[in-house]
Amino acid sequence: MIYTLTPDPSIVIRDEDQAHIPADEGNVDYVEYLWWLHDGNEPTPYSPLEATLPETAPVEDRVADLEDRVAALESDA
């Protein structure tokens, strides 16, 4: 079993099923996590997702494409 920390210190994620486990000693899953820590295991540190934008054509190319489309529509009208 592996766990991952979250930006919220009161919640840990169980990687196996992505369960969000609150820090509540009345929660069996949290107690299991504490025993896992006690056995010498370390959770995966929190790592924010990096947003990546899709690659797009240069603006000049997109403008030229739009101008071509407009010209084609005007010639059809």
Protein backbone atom coordinates (compact mmCIF):
# COMPACT_ATOMS: atom_id res chain seq x y z
CA MET A 1 0.00 0.00 0.00
CA ILE A 2 1.27 3.48 -0.83
CA TYR A 3 -0.08 6.84 0.26
CA THR A 4 0.39 10.35 -1.10
CA LEU A 5 0.25 13.59 0.83
CA THR A 6 -2.09 16.38 -0.26
CA PRO A 7 -1.84 20.16 0.14
CA ASP A 8 -4.38 19.74 2.95
CA PRO A 9 -2.49 18.21 5.90
CA SER A 10 -5.73 16.72 7.23
CA ILE A 11 -6.13 14.43 4.19
CA VAL A 12 -3.96 11.70 2.70
CA ILE A 13 -4.62 9.78 -0.51
CA ARG A 14 -4.42 5.98 -0.69
CA ASP A 15 -2.87 5.45 -4.13
CA GLU A 16 -4.42 2.04 -4.71
CA ASP A 17 -7.94 3.42 -5.12
CA GLN A 18 -7.42 7.20 -4.86
CA ALA A 19 -9.42 7.26 -1.62
CA HIS A 20 -9.11 10.56 0.26
CA ILE A 21 -8.60 9.65 3.90
CA PRO A 22 -9.28 12.30 6.55
CA ALA A 23 -7.06 12.54 9.61
CA ASP A 24 -9.56 11.06 12.02
CA GLU A 25 -8.43 8.39 14.45
CA GLY A 26 -11.98 7.04 14.43
CA ASN A 27 -11.52 6.21 10.72
CA VAL A 28 -10.23 2.68 10.17
CA ASP A 29 -8.44 3.71 6.97
CA TYR A 30 -6.59 6.49 8.79
CA VAL A 31 -5.55 4.14 11.59
CA GLU A 32 -4.24 1.74 8.93
CA TYR A 33 -2.27 4.65 7.45
CA LEU A 34 -0.81 5.48 10.89
CA TRP A 35 0.32 1.86 11.33
CA TRP A 36 1.83 1.98 7.84
CA LEU A 37 3.83 5.06 8.92
CA HIS A 38 4.77 3.34 12.20
CA ASP A 39 6.23 0.44 10.19
CA GLY A 40 8.75 2.87 8.69
CA ASN A 41 7.01 3.71 5.44
CA GLU A 42 6.98 7.22 3.99
CA PRO A 43 4.18 8.73 1.90
CA THR A 44 4.84 10.20 -1.52
CA PRO A 45 5.25 13.97 -1.14
CA TYR A 46 2.59 16.26 -2.55
CA SER A 47 3.43 17.46 -6.03
CA PRO A 48 1.13 19.95 -7.75
CA LEU A 49 0.14 19.07 -11.27
CA GLU A 50 1.83 21.10 -13.96
CA ALA A 51 -0.63 22.49 -16.46
CA THR A 52 0.49 22.02 -20.02
CA LEU A 53 -1.18 23.74 -22.90
CA PRO A 54 -1.57 22.02 -26.24
CA GLU A 55 0.74 23.21 -28.95
CA THR A 56 -0.91 25.61 -31.35
CA ALA A 57 0.07 27.12 -34.66
CA PRO A 58 1.57 30.61 -34.62
CA VAL A 59 -0.97 33.42 -34.47
CA GLU A 60 -0.08 34.56 -37.97
CA ASP A 61 -0.92 31.13 -39.39
CA ARG A 62 -4.24 31.01 -37.53
CA VAL A 63 -5.19 34.50 -38.72
CA ALA A 64 -4.34 33.56 -42.32
CA ASP A 65 -6.45 30.40 -41.99
CA LEU A 66 -9.42 32.40 -40.68
CA GLU A 67 -9.06 34.96 -43.46
CA ASP A 68 -9.08 32.13 -46.02
CA ARG A 69 -12.23 30.67 -44.45
CA VAL A 70 -13.98 34.03 -44.46
CA ALA A 71 -13.02 34.59 -48.10
CA ALA A 72 -14.39 31.13 -49.00
CA LEU A 73 -17.67 31.85 -47.20
CA GLU A 74 -18.03 35.23 -48.89
CA SER A 75 -17.45 33.70 -52.33
CA ASP A 76 -20.15 31.06 -51.62
CA ALA A 77 -22.69 33.73 -50.62
